[in-house]
């Protein structure tokens, strides 16, 4: 099942608002971005999950900081 269809089935109100937002933007806003925006507007308690669909690039220094270090 495709993601937009799954979203429409599981969250029809959010999907409807996202579709309207994406159509009103004349192609400048993707459905995915519009869906996340509509979701946060309708469910502010989920604002912390908004960036979950985006992978931010991390530097190697940040990656190495996450790894546990061992001392001899």
Protein backbone atom coordinates (compact mmCIF):
# COMPACT_ATOMS: atom_id res chain seq x y z
CA UNK A 1 0.00 0.00 0.00
CA UNK A 2 1.36 3.42 -0.94
CA UNK A 3 2.05 5.96 1.82
CA UNK A 4 -0.48 8.62 0.64
CA UNK A 5 -3.22 5.98 0.48
CA UNK A 6 -2.29 4.63 3.91
CA UNK A 7 -2.36 8.15 5.35
CA UNK A 8 -5.75 8.79 3.76
CA UNK A 9 -7.17 5.64 5.33
CA UNK A 10 -5.67 6.18 8.78
CA UNK A 11 -6.01 9.98 9.00
CA UNK A 12 -8.65 11.18 6.52
CA UNK A 13 -9.12 14.65 8.02
CA UNK A 14 -5.40 15.38 7.99
CA UNK A 15 -5.07 14.02 4.45
CA UNK A 16 -7.98 16.13 3.20
CA UNK A 17 -6.50 19.30 4.68
CA UNK A 18 -3.06 18.41 3.27
CA UNK A 19 -4.52 17.82 -0.18
CA UNK A 20 -6.23 21.22 -0.07
CA UNK A 21 -3.00 22.92 1.08
CA UNK A 22 -0.91 21.24 -1.62
CA UNK A 23 -3.45 22.19 -4.33
CA UNK A 24 -3.65 25.80 -3.12
CA UNK A 25 0.14 26.15 -3.26
CA UNK A 26 0.21 25.57 -7.05
CA UNK A 27 2.94 22.95 -6.76
CA UNK A 28 5.28 24.77 -4.39
CA UNK A 29 4.42 22.51 -1.45
CA UNK A 30 4.55 18.71 -1.76
CA UNK A 31 1.75 16.57 -0.39
CA UNK A 32 4.18 15.08 2.13
CA UNK A 33 5.19 18.49 3.51
CA UNK A 34 1.57 19.64 3.49
CA UNK A 35 0.52 16.49 5.36
CA UNK A 36 3.08 17.07 8.12
CA UNK A 37 2.02 20.71 8.41
CA UNK A 38 -1.67 19.78 8.57
CA UNK A 39 -0.94 17.05 11.11
CA UNK A 40 0.77 19.49 13.48
CA UNK A 41 -2.07 22.00 13.06
CA UNK A 42 -4.70 19.39 13.89
CA UNK A 43 -2.65 17.58 16.55
CA UNK A 44 -0.21 20.01 18.23
CA UNK A 45 0.87 17.33 20.69
CA UNK A 46 2.62 15.55 17.79
CA UNK A 47 4.88 18.52 16.97
CA UNK A 48 7.92 16.62 18.22
CA UNK A 49 7.44 14.00 15.50
CA UNK A 50 7.26 16.55 12.66
CA UNK A 51 10.90 16.21 11.64
CA UNK A 52 10.86 12.41 11.76
CA UNK A 53 10.40 12.19 8.00
CA UNK A 54 13.52 14.23 7.29
CA UNK A 55 17.05 12.94 7.65
CA UNK A 56 19.37 15.75 8.57
CA UNK A 57 22.99 15.37 7.51
CA UNK A 58 25.29 14.80 10.46
CA UNK A 59 28.99 15.50 10.59
CA UNK A 60 31.46 12.75 11.43
CA UNK A 61 32.25 14.54 14.71
CA UNK A 62 28.61 14.16 15.78
CA UNK A 63 28.61 10.50 14.74
CA UNK A 64 31.75 9.76 16.72
CA UNK A 65 30.32 11.59 19.75
CA UNK A 66 27.39 9.14 19.77
CA UNK A 67 29.61 6.07 19.82
CA UNK A 68 30.68 4.73 23.21
CA UNK A 69 34.37 4.99 23.93
CA UNK A 70 36.43 2.37 25.63
CA UNK A 71 39.40 3.05 27.81
CA UNK A 72 42.20 0.59 28.37
